[in-house]
Protein backbone atom coordinates (compact mmCIF):
# COMPACT_ATOMS: atom_id res chain seq x y z
CA MET A 1 -0.53 -12.09 11.83
CA ASN A 2 3.24 -11.83 11.82
CA ILE A 3 4.51 -8.37 10.82
CA ILE A 4 8.18 -7.65 10.15
CA THR A 5 9.26 -4.00 10.03
CA THR A 6 12.67 -2.91 8.80
CA ILE A 7 13.76 0.73 9.07
CA ASP A 8 16.72 2.10 7.11
CA GLY A 9 17.17 5.84 7.47
CA THR A 10 13.97 7.53 6.27
CA SER A 11 12.58 4.34 4.70
CA ALA A 12 10.54 1.59 6.30
CA ARG A 13 9.59 -1.78 4.84
CA VAL A 14 6.60 -3.53 6.41
CA SER A 15 6.09 -7.20 5.56
CA PRO A 16 2.84 -8.68 6.87
CA GLY A 17 2.57 -12.46 6.94
CA GLY A 18 -1.00 -13.47 6.20
CA ASP A 19 -4.21 -12.10 4.79
CA ILE A 20 -5.12 -8.43 5.06
CA ASP A 21 -8.76 -7.96 6.03
CA PHE A 22 -10.92 -6.23 8.61
CA ASP A 23 -9.69 -8.47 11.43
CA THR A 24 -5.99 -7.94 10.71
CA LEU A 25 -6.21 -4.18 10.17
CA PRO A 26 -5.63 -3.13 13.83
CA PRO A 27 -2.09 -4.58 14.07
CA LEU A 28 -1.23 -3.13 10.65
CA ARG A 29 -2.46 0.30 11.75
CA ALA A 30 -0.52 -0.01 14.99
CA THR A 31 2.63 -0.86 13.02
CA VAL A 32 2.27 2.24 10.84
CA ASP A 33 1.43 4.43 13.82
CA ALA A 34 4.56 3.20 15.62
CA LEU A 35 6.88 4.26 12.80
CA PRO A 36 9.18 7.12 13.74
CA PRO A 37 8.13 10.52 12.35
CA HIS A 38 11.32 10.77 10.27
CA VAL A 39 10.16 7.86 8.06
CA THR A 40 9.05 9.47 4.80
CA ASP A 41 8.95 6.36 2.58
CA LEU A 42 6.82 3.35 3.53
CA GLN A 43 6.99 0.20 1.45
CA TRP A 44 4.51 -2.62 1.96
CA ASP A 45 6.03 -5.96 0.97
CA LEU A 46 3.04 -8.21 0.32
CA THR A 47 5.05 -11.27 -0.73
CA SER A 48 3.51 -13.28 2.14
CA THR A 49 -0.02 -11.93 1.62
CA ALA A 50 -2.19 -14.18 -0.56
CA PHE A 51 -5.50 -12.38 0.09
CA MET A 52 -6.56 -8.79 0.66
CA ASP A 53 -10.12 -7.47 0.95
CA VAL A 54 -11.53 -3.98 0.40
CA THR A 55 -10.47 -2.97 3.92
CA GLY A 56 -6.84 -3.60 2.98
CA LEU A 57 -7.32 -1.82 -0.34
CA ASN A 58 -8.59 1.32 1.37
CA PHE A 59 -5.86 1.10 4.00
CA LEU A 60 -3.11 1.00 1.37
CA PHE A 61 -4.57 3.96 -0.52
CA ALA A 62 -4.86 6.14 2.55
CA SER A 63 -2.23 8.83 2.03
CA ALA A 64 -1.29 8.79 5.71
CA PRO A 65 -2.89 5.83 7.48
CA HIS A 66 -4.39 6.95 10.77
CA ASP A 67 -2.90 10.45 10.19
CA SER A 68 0.42 9.15 11.49
CA ALA A 69 2.60 11.04 9.02
CA PRO A 70 1.14 13.46 6.49
CA GLY A 71 3.06 13.43 3.23
CA ARG A 72 4.57 9.98 3.68
CA ARG A 73 5.09 8.19 0.35
CA THR A 74 3.60 4.70 0.31
CA THR A 75 4.47 1.99 -2.22
CA VAL A 76 3.65 -1.70 -2.57
CA THR A 77 5.82 -4.57 -3.75
CA GLY A 78 5.55 -8.36 -3.89
CA LEU A 79 1.92 -8.40 -4.98
CA ASN A 80 0.45 -11.87 -5.30
CA ARG A 81 -2.31 -12.66 -7.77
CA GLN A 82 -5.42 -11.79 -5.72
CA PRO A 83 -4.17 -8.53 -4.14
CA LEU A 84 -2.89 -7.40 -7.56
CA TRP A 85 -6.23 -8.28 -9.15
CA LEU A 86 -8.05 -6.27 -6.48
CA LEU A 87 -5.82 -3.21 -7.03
CA LEU A 88 -6.25 -3.39 -10.81
CA LEU A 89 -10.02 -3.86 -10.54
CA ALA A 90 -10.36 -0.91 -8.17
CA ALA A 91 -8.24 1.24 -10.50
CA GLU A 92 -10.41 0.27 -13.46
CA VAL A 93 -13.72 0.92 -11.68
CA ARG A 94 -12.68 4.13 -9.86
CA PRO A 95 -9.44 5.40 -11.43
CA THR A 96 -9.41 8.74 -9.63
CA ALA A 97 -10.00 7.21 -6.20
CA PHE A 98 -7.64 4.27 -6.72
CA ASP A 99 -4.73 5.62 -8.74
CA ILE A 100 -2.32 2.68 -8.66
CA SER A 101 0.55 4.87 -9.88
CA ARG A 102 0.67 6.15 -6.27
CA LEU A 103 1.34 2.66 -4.92
CA ILE A 104 3.22 0.88 -7.67
CA PRO A 105 6.27 2.77 -8.95
CA ASN A 106 6.69 3.14 -12.71
CA THR A 107 2.96 2.76 -13.37
CA PRO A 108 1.47 5.50 -15.55
CA PRO A 109 -1.28 7.54 -13.89
CA ALA A 110 -4.90 6.75 -14.77
CA ASP A 111 -5.22 9.86 -16.95
CA PHE A 112 -1.99 9.13 -18.87
CA ARG A 113 -2.42 9.45 -22.63
CA PRO A 114 0.53 8.67 -24.90
CA VAL A 115 1.41 11.32 -27.44
CA ALA A 116 0.24 10.36 -30.92
CA PRO A 117 3.08 9.92 -33.42
C-alpha cells in the first residue's frame, strides 16, 4: 500500500493507495501514530481506495486511532462507491455507533429531524 501524507499547519491529509482491510491496517495505523501531536484535523482522502472492509470502517470511526491524539477531528473525502456504500449501510444499521456526520462534513446527524412547517 502506498500512503501519501501531507501536513499543513494543524491539518494532515492522508491518501492511501489501495484497499483498506485487515492486512493494510498496520501501515495506516503507523501513519496516524506518526503524525505530530499538533495535528488536530485529519482528513482521509480515499480517492484511490476502491474497497474497504469492516476493519477500515471501524478504524475510520475511532475518535483517536490507537490513542495517538485524543480530540483529533477526523473527516473523509473522495469516497468511491463501495466505501461510501459501507459507510451508509453502517449508519443505517447502527446510527449511534456509526454517525457519518462525524466523518463527512455537512451531513446531518443521525438524530436530525427537520422542523415541521
